[in-house]
């Protein structure tokens, strides 16, 4: 059930992202960020959330003996797509206890 929810989220988020890029282009991101102080606050909030997600990915991947750097870099480039895909491809087994 969890995997289905992740796939549905990826699908709808991908459609929304594709529509936004089709409508405003990739260069439409910057003007929307600096449009107002509210926009800047939302962007900074998303950056903080991405950093927290990267901390979680770091801890989870290293506890499973995997290299987290690809996922961390991808999160900073493509945002939420990377953590969602990470959740799909990571091993569902419980990591070994230290």
PDB file of N, CA and C in Angstrom:
ATOM      1  N   UNK A   1       0.818  -1.193   0.000  1.00  0.00           N
ATOM      2  CA  UNK A   1       0.000   0.000   0.000  1.00  0.00           C
ATOM      3  C   UNK A   1       0.864   1.259   0.000  1.00  0.00           C
ATOM      4  N   UNK A   2       1.956   1.229   0.795  1.00  0.00           N
ATOM      5  CA  UNK A   2       2.844   2.388   0.873  1.00  0.00           C
ATOM      6  C   UNK A   2       3.482   2.664  -0.482  1.00  0.00           C
ATOM      7  N   UNK A   3       3.916   1.613  -1.167  1.00  0.00           N
ATOM      8  CA  UNK A   3       4.543   1.790  -2.477  1.00  0.00           C
ATOM      9  C   UNK A   3       3.553   2.373  -3.485  1.00  0.00           C
ATOM     10  N   UNK A   4       2.297   1.953  -3.407  1.00  0.00           N
ATOM     11  CA  UNK A   4       1.283   2.471  -4.314  1.00  0.00           C
ATOM     12  C   UNK A   4       1.089   3.968  -4.087  1.00  0.00           C
ATOM     13  N   UNK A   5       1.060   4.390  -2.829  1.00  0.00           N
ATOM     14  CA  UNK A   5       0.921   5.819  -2.521  1.00  0.00           C
ATOM     15  C   UNK A   5       2.112   6.620  -3.036  1.00  0.00           C
ATOM     16  N   UNK A   6       3.301   6.057  -2.931  1.00  0.00           N
ATOM     17  CA  UNK A   6       4.494   6.744  -3.436  1.00  0.00           C
ATOM     18  C   UNK A   6       4.424   6.870  -4.957  1.00  0.00           C
ATOM     19  N   UNK A   7       4.019   5.805  -5.630  1.00  0.00           N
ATOM     20  CA  UNK A   7       3.906   5.842  -7.094  1.00  0.00           C
ATOM     21  C   UNK A   7       2.841   6.857  -7.520  1.00  0.00           C
ATOM     22  N   UNK A   8       1.706   6.875  -6.835  1.00  0.00           N
ATOM     23  CA  UNK A   8       0.651   7.841  -7.162  1.00  0.00           C
ATOM     24  C   UNK A   8       1.157   9.266  -6.949  1.00  0.00           C
ATOM     25  N   UNK A   9       1.872   9.492  -5.844  1.00  0.00           N
ATOM     26  CA  UNK A   9       2.435  10.814  -5.567  1.00  0.00           C
ATOM     27  C   UNK A   9       3.413  11.216  -6.662  1.00  0.00           C
ATOM     28  N   UNK A  10       4.305  10.297  -7.042  1.00  0.00           N
ATOM     29  CA  UNK A  10       5.255  10.585  -8.124  1.00  0.00           C
ATOM     30  C   UNK A  10       4.526  10.908  -9.420  1.00  0.00           C
ATOM     31  N   UNK A  11       3.484  10.164  -9.722  1.00  0.00           N
ATOM     32  CA  UNK A  11       2.737  10.378 -10.957  1.00  0.00           C
ATOM     33  C   UNK A  11       2.094  11.765 -10.986  1.00  0.00           C
ATOM     34  N   UNK A  12       1.350  12.100  -9.939  1.00  0.00           N
ATOM     35  CA  UNK A  12       0.677  13.404  -9.920  1.00  0.00           C
ATOM     36  C   UNK A  12       1.661  14.566  -9.821  1.00  0.00           C
ATOM     37  N   UNK A  13       2.719  14.404  -9.027  1.00  0.00           N
ATOM     38  CA  UNK A  13       3.724  15.455  -8.923  1.00  0.00           C
ATOM     39  C   UNK A  13       4.458  15.623 -10.248  1.00  0.00           C
ATOM     40  N   UNK A  14       4.714  14.520 -10.936  1.00  0.00           N
ATOM     41  CA  UNK A  14       5.351  14.587 -12.252  1.00  0.00           C
ATOM     42  C   UNK A  14       4.483  15.302 -13.267  1.00  0.00           C
ATOM     43  N   UNK A  15       3.178  15.031 -13.236  1.00  0.00           N
ATOM     44  CA  UNK A  15       2.254  15.715 -14.143  1.00  0.00           C
ATOM     45  C   UNK A  15       2.231  17.210 -13.833  1.00  0.00           C
ATOM     46  N   UNK A  16       2.148  17.563 -12.555  1.00  0.00           N
ATOM     47  CA  UNK A  16       2.143  18.978 -12.167  1.00  0.00           C
ATOM     48  C   UNK A  16       3.436  19.669 -12.588  1.00  0.00           C
ATOM     49  N   UNK A  17       4.567  19.015 -12.377  1.00  0.00           N
ATOM     50  CA  UNK A  17       5.854  19.582 -12.769  1.00  0.00           C
ATOM     51  C   UNK A  17       5.936  19.749 -14.281  1.00  0.00           C
ATOM     52  N   UNK A  18       5.501  18.731 -15.009  1.00  0.00           N
ATOM     53  CA  UNK A  18       5.510  18.818 -16.465  1.00  0.00           C
ATOM     54  C   UNK A  18       4.636  19.951 -16.975  1.00  0.00           C
ATOM     55  N   UNK A  19       3.463  20.106 -16.382  1.00  0.00           N
ATOM     56  CA  UNK A  19       2.570  21.198 -16.777  1.00  0.00           C
ATOM     57  C   UNK A  19       3.198  22.552 -16.473  1.00  0.00           C
ATOM     58  N   UNK A  20       3.825  22.685 -15.294  1.00  0.00           N
ATOM     59  CA  UNK A  20       4.453  23.959 -14.923  1.00  0.00           C
ATOM     60  C   UNK A  20       5.584  24.312 -15.889  1.00  0.00           C
ATOM     61  N   UNK A  21       6.388  23.328 -16.246  1.00  0.00           N
ATOM     62  CA  UNK A  21       7.492  23.574 -17.185  1.00  0.00           C
ATOM     63  C   UNK A  21       6.944  23.883 -18.579  1.00  0.00           C
ATOM     64  N   UNK A  22       5.904  23.177 -18.989  1.00  0.00           N
ATOM     65  CA  UNK A  22       5.301  23.435 -20.298  1.00  0.00           C
ATOM     66  C   UNK A  22       4.698  24.838 -20.334  1.00  0.00           C
ATOM     67  N   UNK A  23       4.060  25.244 -19.255  1.00  0.00           N
ATOM     68  CA  UNK A  23       3.370  26.536 -19.225  1.00  0.00           C
ATOM     69  C   UNK A  23       4.339  27.706 -19.062  1.00  0.00           C
ATOM     70  N   UNK A  24       5.277  27.618 -18.113  1.00  0.00           N
ATOM     71  CA  UNK A  24       6.161  28.741 -17.795  1.00  0.00           C
ATOM     72  C   UNK A  24       7.605  28.542 -18.219  1.00  0.00           C
ATOM     73  N   UNK A  25       7.958  27.352 -18.637  1.00  0.00           N
ATOM     74  CA  UNK A  25       9.346  27.065 -18.977  1.00  0.00           C
ATOM     75  C   UNK A  25      10.190  26.869 -17.731  1.00  0.00           C
ATOM     76  N   UNK A  26      11.358  26.339 -17.917  1.00  0.00           N
ATOM     77  CA  UNK A  26      12.249  26.087 -16.777  1.00  0.00           C
ATOM     78  C   UNK A  26      12.717  27.406 -16.166  1.00  0.00           C
ATOM     79  N   UNK A  27      12.780  28.455 -16.974  1.00  0.00           N
ATOM     80  CA  UNK A  27      13.215  29.753 -16.466  1.00  0.00           C
ATOM     81  C   UNK A  27      12.117  30.469 -15.684  1.00  0.00           C
ATOM     82  N   UNK A  28      10.919  29.905 -15.634  1.00  0.00           N
ATOM     83  CA  UNK A  28       9.831  30.516 -14.894  1.00  0.00           C
ATOM     84  C   UNK A  28       9.940  30.332 -13.394  1.00  0.00           C
ATOM     85  N   UNK A  29      10.897  29.514 -12.962  1.00  0.00           N
ATOM     86  CA  UNK A  29      11.041  29.246 -11.531  1.00  0.00           C
ATOM     87  C   UNK A  29      11.553  30.477 -10.793  1.00  0.00           C
ATOM     88  N   UNK A  30      12.602  31.095 -11.297  1.00  0.00           N
ATOM     89  CA  UNK A  30      13.216  32.213 -10.567  1.00  0.00           C
ATOM     90  C   UNK A  30      12.256  33.378 -10.338  1.00  0.00           C
ATOM     91  N   UNK A  31      11.532  33.873 -11.368  1.00  0.00           N
ATOM     92  CA  UNK A  31      10.606  34.994 -11.103  1.00  0.00           C
ATOM     93  C   UNK A  31       9.539  34.654 -10.062  1.00  0.00           C
ATOM     94  N   UNK A  32       9.117  33.395 -10.031  1.00  0.00           N
ATOM     95  CA  UNK A  32       8.100  33.041  -9.040  1.00  0.00           C
ATOM     96  C   UNK A  32       8.674  32.995  -7.630  1.00  0.00           C
ATOM     97  N   UNK A  33       9.963  32.718  -7.507  1.00  0.00           N
ATOM     98  CA  UNK A  33      10.592  32.693  -6.177  1.00  0.00           C
ATOM     99  C   UNK A  33      10.694  34.105  -5.613  1.00  0.00           C
ATOM    100  N   UNK A  34      11.099  35.060  -6.427  1.00  0.00           N
ATOM    101  CA  UNK A  34      11.343  36.421  -5.936  1.00  0.00           C
ATOM    102  C   UNK A  34      10.132  37.344  -6.128  1.00  0.00           C
ATOM    103  N   UNK A  35       8.990  36.778  -6.419  1.00  0.00           N
ATOM    104  CA  UNK A  35       7.783  37.565  -6.659  1.00  0.00           C
ATOM    105  C   UNK A  35       7.369  38.381  -5.437  1.00  0.00           C
ATOM    106  N   UNK A  36       7.490  37.803  -4.252  1.00  0.00           N
ATOM    107  CA  UNK A  36       7.106  38.495  -3.020  1.00  0.00           C
ATOM    108  C   UNK A  36       7.860  37.871  -1.847  1.00  0.00           C
ATOM    109  N   UNK A  37       7.744  38.501  -0.695  1.00  0.00           N
ATOM    110  CA  UNK A  37       8.371  37.932   0.500  1.00  0.00           C
ATOM    111  C   UNK A  37       7.727  36.600   0.875  1.00  0.00           C
ATOM    112  N   UNK A  38       6.444  36.436   0.575  1.00  0.00           N
ATOM    113  CA  UNK A  38       5.782  35.157   0.833  1.00  0.00           C
ATOM    114  C   UNK A  38       6.398  34.062  -0.039  1.00  0.00           C
ATOM    115  N   UNK A  39       6.668  34.385  -1.282  1.00  0.00           N
ATOM    116  CA  UNK A  39       7.277  33.413  -2.186  1.00  0.00           C
ATOM    117  C   UNK A  39       8.669  33.029  -1.702  1.00  0.00           C
ATOM    118  N   UNK A  40       9.430  34.005  -1.271  1.00  0.00           N
ATOM    119  CA  UNK A  40      10.780  33.731  -0.755  1.00  0.00           C
ATOM    120  C   UNK A  40      10.694  32.860   0.488  1.00  0.00           C
ATOM    121  N   UNK A  41       9.740  33.152   1.379  1.00  0.00           N
ATOM    122  CA  UNK A  41       9.581  32.362   2.596  1.00  0.00           C
ATOM    123  C   UNK A  41       9.243  30.915   2.256  1.00  0.00           C
ATOM    124  N   UNK A  42       8.357  30.705   1.289  1.00  0.00           N
ATOM    125  CA  UNK A  42       7.997  29.348   0.883  1.00  0.00           C
ATOM    126  C   UNK A  42       9.211  28.631   0.306  1.00  0.00           C
ATOM    127  N   UNK A  43       9.993  29.311  -0.529  1.00  0.00           N
ATOM    128  CA  UNK A  43      11.180  28.703  -1.120  1.00  0.00           C
ATOM    129  C   UNK A  43      12.199  28.317  -0.049  1.00  0.00           C
ATOM    130  N   UNK A  44      12.453  29.228   0.899  1.00  0.00           N
ATOM    131  CA  UNK A  44      13.396  28.930   1.982  1.00  0.00           C
ATOM    132  C   UNK A  44      12.882  27.754   2.812  1.00  0.00           C
ATOM    133  N   UNK A  45      11.584  27.707   3.058  1.00  0.00           N
ATOM    134  CA  UNK A  45      10.995  26.588   3.789  1.00  0.00           C
ATOM    135  C   UNK A  45      11.234  25.268   3.049  1.00  0.00           C
ATOM    136  N   UNK A  46      11.085  25.282   1.731  1.00  0.00           N
ATOM    137  CA  UNK A  46      11.334  24.071   0.942  1.00  0.00           C
ATOM    138  C   UNK A  46      12.806  23.663   0.970  1.00  0.00           C
ATOM    139  N   UNK A  47      13.703  24.637   0.970  1.00  0.00           N
ATOM    140  CA  UNK A  47      15.136  24.324   1.062  1.00  0.00           C
ATOM    141  C   UNK A  47      15.443  23.679   2.411  1.00  0.00           C
ATOM    142  N   UNK A  48      14.868  24.214   3.483  1.00  0.00           N
ATOM    143  CA  UNK A  48      15.070  23.631   4.809  1.00  0.00           C
ATOM    144  C   UNK A  48      14.515  22.210   4.846  1.00  0.00           C
ATOM    145  N   UNK A  49      13.326  22.000   4.290  1.00  0.00           N
ATOM    146  CA  UNK A  49      12.735  20.664   4.249  1.00  0.00           C
ATOM    147  C   UNK A  49      13.621  19.701   3.451  1.00  0.00           C
ATOM    148  N   UNK A  50      14.172  20.166   2.328  1.00  0.00           N
ATOM    149  CA  UNK A  50      15.063  19.316   1.532  1.00  0.00           C
ATOM    150  C   UNK A  50      16.319  18.960   2.317  1.00  0.00           C
ATOM    151  N   UNK A  51      16.838  19.899   3.097  1.00  0.00           N
ATOM    152  CA  UNK A  51      18.022  19.607   3.912  1.00  0.00           C
ATOM    153  C   UNK A  51      17.687  18.559   4.979  1.00  0.00           C
ATOM    154  N   UNK A  52      16.524  18.668   5.607  1.00  0.00           N
ATOM    155  CA  UNK A  52      16.112  17.669   6.599  1.00  0.00           C
ATOM    156  C   UNK A  52      15.921  16.297   5.959  1.00  0.00           C
ATOM    157  N   UNK A  53      15.333  16.272   4.767  1.00  0.00           N
ATOM    158  CA  UNK A  53      15.182  15.011   4.044  1.00  0.00           C
ATOM    159  C   UNK A  53      16.544  14.427   3.712  1.00  0.00           C
ATOM    160  N   UNK A  54      17.499  15.282   3.316  1.00  0.00           N
ATOM    161  CA  UNK A  54      18.851  14.796   3.011  1.00  0.00           C
ATOM    162  C   UNK A  54      19.527  14.209   4.242  1.00  0.00           C
ATOM    163  N   UNK A  55      19.290  14.789   5.403  1.00  0.00           N
ATOM    164  CA  UNK A  55      19.844  14.215   6.639  1.00  0.00           C
ATOM    165  C   UNK A  55      19.260  12.824   6.862  1.00  0.00           C
ATOM    166  N   UNK A  56      17.950  12.686   6.653  1.00  0.00           N
ATOM    167  CA  UNK A  56      17.326  11.376   6.808  1.00  0.00           C
ATOM    168  C   UNK A  56      17.884  10.376   5.793  1.00  0.00           C
ATOM    169  N   UNK A  57      18.012  10.807   4.533  1.00  0.00           N
ATOM    170  CA  UNK A  57      18.563   9.922   3.504  1.00  0.00           C
ATOM    171  C   UNK A  57      19.977   9.500   3.886  1.00  0.00           C
ATOM    172  N   UNK A  58      20.784  10.448   4.359  1.00  0.00           N
ATOM    173  CA  UNK A  58      22.159  10.137   4.773  1.00  0.00           C
ATOM    174  C   UNK A  58      22.162   9.041   5.830  1.00  0.00           C
ATOM    175  N   UNK A  59      21.368   9.232   6.860  1.00  0.00           N
ATOM    176  CA  UNK A  59      21.332   8.253   7.958  1.00  0.00           C
ATOM    177  C   UNK A  59      20.779   6.910   7.502  1.00  0.00           C
ATOM    178  N   UNK A  60      19.714   6.924   6.718  1.00  0.00           N
ATOM    179  CA  UNK A  60      19.104   5.675   6.272  1.00  0.00           C
ATOM    180  C   UNK A  60      20.018   4.914   5.322  1.00  0.00           C
ATOM    181  N   UNK A  61      20.580   5.619   4.350  1.00  0.00           N
ATOM    182  CA  UNK A  61      21.429   4.950   3.362  1.00  0.00           C
ATOM    183  C   UNK A  61      22.699   4.396   4.009  1.00  0.00           C
ATOM    184  N   UNK A  62      23.340   5.189   4.867  1.00  0.00           N
ATOM    185  CA  UNK A  62      24.571   4.689   5.496  1.00  0.00           C
ATOM    186  C   UNK A  62      24.275   3.532   6.448  1.00  0.00           C
ATOM    187  N   UNK A  63      23.115   3.541   7.107  1.00  0.00           N
ATOM    188  CA  UNK A  63      22.778   2.413   7.986  1.00  0.00           C
ATOM    189  C   UNK A  63      22.526   1.146   7.180  1.00  0.00           C
ATOM    190  N   UNK A  64      22.212   1.287   5.903  1.00  0.00           N
ATOM    191  CA  UNK A  64      21.999   0.144   5.022  1.00  0.00           C
ATOM    192  C   UNK A  64      23.245  -0.193   4.203  1.00  0.00           C
ATOM    193  N   UNK A  65      24.339   0.513   4.478  1.00  0.00           N
ATOM    194  CA  UNK A  65      25.586   0.252   3.772  1.00  0.00           C
ATOM    195  C   UNK A  65      25.600   0.783   2.351  1.00  0.00           C
ATOM    196  N   UNK A  66      24.823   1.816   2.070  1.00  0.00           N
ATOM    197  CA  UNK A  66      24.762   2.396   0.733  1.00  0.00           C
ATOM    198  C   UNK A  66      25.346   3.796   0.743  1.00  0.00           C
ATOM    199  N   UNK A  67      25.784   4.247  -0.415  1.00  0.00           N
ATOM    200  CA  UNK A  67      26.341   5.589  -0.563  1.00  0.00           C
ATOM    201  C   UNK A  67      25.190   6.576  -0.787  1.00  0.00           C
ATOM    202  N   UNK A  68      25.016   7.568   0.088  1.00  0.00           N
ATOM    203  CA  UNK A  68      23.878   8.485  -0.037  1.00  0.00           C
ATOM    204  C   UNK A  68      24.102   9.676  -0.967  1.00  0.00           C
ATOM    205  N   UNK A  69      25.350   9.899  -1.415  1.00  0.00           N
ATOM    206  CA  UNK A  69      25.658  11.149  -2.110  1.00  0.00           C
ATOM    207  C   UNK A  69      24.879  11.362  -3.395  1.00  0.00           C
ATOM    208  N   UNK A  70      24.645  10.332  -4.156  1.00  0.00           N
ATOM    209  CA  UNK A  70      23.858  10.482  -5.387  1.00  0.00           C
ATOM    210  C   UNK A  70      22.453  10.969  -5.098  1.00  0.00           C
ATOM    211  N   UNK A  71      21.849  10.413  -4.061  1.00  0.00           N
ATOM    212  CA  UNK A  71      20.495  10.807  -3.672  1.00  0.00           C
ATOM    213  C   UNK A  71      20.461  12.235  -3.137  1.00  0.00           C
ATOM    214  N   UNK A  72      21.467  12.600  -2.373  1.00  0.00           N
ATOM    215  CA  UNK A  72      21.529  13.947  -1.798  1.00  0.00           C
ATOM    216  C   UNK A  72      21.689  14.990  -2.903  1.00  0.00           C
ATOM    217  N   UNK A  73      22.601  14.742  -3.820  1.00  0.00           N
ATOM    218  CA  UNK A  73      22.815  15.677  -4.927  1.00  0.00           C
ATOM    219  C   UNK A  73      21.557  15.763  -5.802  1.00  0.00           C
ATOM    220  N   UNK A  74      20.950  14.610  -6.073  1.00  0.00           N
ATOM    221  CA  UNK A  74      19.736  14.604  -6.892  1.00  0.00           C
ATOM    222  C   UNK A  74      18.603  15.372  -6.204  1.00  0.00           C
ATOM    223  N   UNK A  75      18.501  15.267  -4.883  1.00  0.00           N
ATOM    224  CA  UNK A  75      17.460  16.008  -4.161  1.00  0.00           C
ATOM    225  C   UNK A  75      17.665  17.501  -4.322  1.00  0.00           C
ATOM    226  N   UNK A  76      18.906  17.965  -4.287  1.00  0.00           N
ATOM    227  CA  UNK A  76      19.164  19.392  -4.425  1.00  0.00           C
ATOM    228  C   UNK A  76      18.922  19.876  -5.858  1.00  0.00           C
ATOM    229  N   UNK A  77      18.956  18.962  -6.832  1.00  0.00           N
ATOM    230  CA  UNK A  77      18.739  19.348  -8.229  1.00  0.00           C
ATOM    231  C   UNK A  77      17.272  19.206  -8.630  1.00  0.00           C
ATOM    232  N   UNK A  78      16.665  18.062  -8.327  1.00  0.00           N
ATOM    233  CA  UNK A  78      15.301  17.796  -8.804  1.00  0.00           C
ATOM    234  C   UNK A  78      14.256  17.793  -7.691  1.00  0.00           C
ATOM    235  N   UNK A  79      14.664  18.107  -6.478  1.00  0.00           N
ATOM    236  CA  UNK A  79      13.705  18.225  -5.382  1.00  0.00           C
ATOM    237  C   UNK A  79      13.119  16.905  -4.932  1.00  0.00           C
ATOM    238  N   UNK A  80      11.827  16.896  -4.730  1.00  0.00           N
ATOM    239  CA  UNK A  80      11.129  15.768  -4.108  1.00  0.00           C
ATOM    240  C   UNK A  80      11.149  14.485  -4.926  1.00  0.00           C
ATOM    241  N   UNK A  81      11.438  14.569  -6.209  1.00  0.00           N
ATOM    242  CA  UNK A  81      11.486  13.350  -7.011  1.00  0.00           C
ATOM    243  C   UNK A  81      12.518  12.366  -6.457  1.00  0.00           C
ATOM    244  N   UNK A  82      13.680  12.860  -6.073  1.00  0.00           N
ATOM    245  CA  UNK A  82      14.748  11.984  -5.606  1.00  0.00           C
ATOM    246  C   UNK A  82      14.378  11.225  -4.333  1.00  0.00           C
ATOM    247  N   UNK A  83      13.904  11.874  -3.269  1.00  0.00           N
ATOM    248  CA  UNK A  83      13.518  11.107  -2.081  1.00  0.00           C
ATOM    249  C   UNK A  83      12.372  10.128  -2.342  1.00  0.00           C
ATOM    250  N   UNK A  84      11.433  10.504  -3.207  1.00  0.00           N
ATOM    251  CA  UNK A  84      10.344   9.584  -3.517  1.00  0.00           C
ATOM    252  C   UNK A  84      10.858   8.335  -4.229  1.00  0.00           C
ATOM    253  N   UNK A  85      11.758   8.527  -5.188  1.00  0.00           N
ATOM    254  CA  UNK A  85      12.339   7.370  -5.878  1.00  0.00           C
ATOM    255  C   UNK A  85      13.200   6.564  -4.907  1.00  0.00           C
ATOM    256  N   UNK A  86      13.928   7.245  -4.019  1.00  0.00           N
ATOM    257  CA  UNK A  86      14.723   6.536  -3.001  1.00  0.00           C
ATOM    258  C   UNK A  86      13.830   5.618  -2.173  1.00  0.00           C
ATOM    259  N   UNK A  87      12.669   6.111  -1.775  1.00  0.00           N
ATOM    260  CA  UNK A  87      11.752   5.282  -0.992  1.00  0.00           C
ATOM    261  C   UNK A  87      11.288   4.060  -1.777  1.00  0.00           C
ATOM    262  N   UNK A  88      11.183   4.192  -3.104  1.00  0.00           N
ATOM    263  CA  UNK A  88      10.768   3.051  -3.923  1.00  0.00           C
ATOM    264  C   UNK A  88      11.863   2.010  -4.083  1.00  0.00           C
ATOM    265  N   UNK A  89      13.111   2.464  -4.221  1.00  0.00           N
ATOM    266  CA  UNK A  89      14.178   1.518  -4.561  1.00  0.00           C
ATOM    267  C   UNK A  89      14.977   1.015  -3.361  1.00  0.00           C
ATOM    268  N   UNK A  90      14.830   1.661  -2.212  1.00  0.00           N
ATOM    269  CA  UNK A  90      15.600   1.186  -1.059  1.00  0.00           C
ATOM    270  C   UNK A  90      15.074  -0.166  -0.611  1.00  0.00           C
ATOM    271  N   UNK A  91      15.923  -0.890   0.019  1.00  0.00           N
ATOM    272  CA  UNK A  91      15.549  -2.206   0.522  1.00  0.00           C
ATOM    273  C   UNK A  91      14.481  -2.043   1.595  1.00  0.00           C
ATOM    274  N   UNK A  92      13.456  -2.870   1.529  1.00  0.00           N
ATOM    275  CA  UNK A  92      12.394  -2.771   2.524  1.00  0.00           C
ATOM    276  C   UNK A  92      12.755  -3.484   3.827  1.00  0.00           C
ATOM    277  N   UNK A  93      13.895  -4.165   3.840  1.00  0.00           N
ATOM    278  CA  UNK A  93      14.312  -4.853   5.061  1.00  0.00           C
ATOM    279  C   UNK A  93      14.794  -3.852   6.102  1.00  0.00           C
ATOM    280  N   UNK A  94      14.704  -4.242   7.338  1.00  0.00           N
ATOM    281  CA  UNK A  94      15.148  -3.384   8.437  1.00  0.00           C
ATOM    282  C   UNK A  94      16.670  -3.384   8.453  1.00  0.00           C
ATOM    283  N   UNK A  95      17.292  -2.199   8.601  1.00  0.00           N
ATOM    284  CA  UNK A  95      18.757  -2.146   8.611  1.00  0.00           C
ATOM    285  C   UNK A  95      19.320  -2.865   9.831  1.00  0.00           C
ATOM    286  N   UNK A  96      20.546  -3.381   9.716  1.00  0.00           N
ATOM    287  CA  UNK A  96      21.151  -4.061  10.851  1.00  0.00           C
ATOM    288  C   UNK A  96      21.383  -3.107  12.004  1.00  0.00           C
ATOM    289  N   UNK A  97      21.182  -3.579  13.213  1.00  0.00           N
ATOM    290  CA  UNK A  97      21.405  -2.774  14.398  1.00  0.00           C
ATOM    291  C   UNK A  97      22.884  -2.704  14.713  1.00  0.00           C
ATOM    292  N   UNK A  98      23.334  -1.527  15.179  1.00  0.00           N
ATOM    293  CA  UNK A  98      24.752  -1.351  15.497  1.00  0.00           C
ATOM    294  C   UNK A  98      24.973  -1.608  16.970  1.00  0.00           C
TER     295      UNK A  98
END
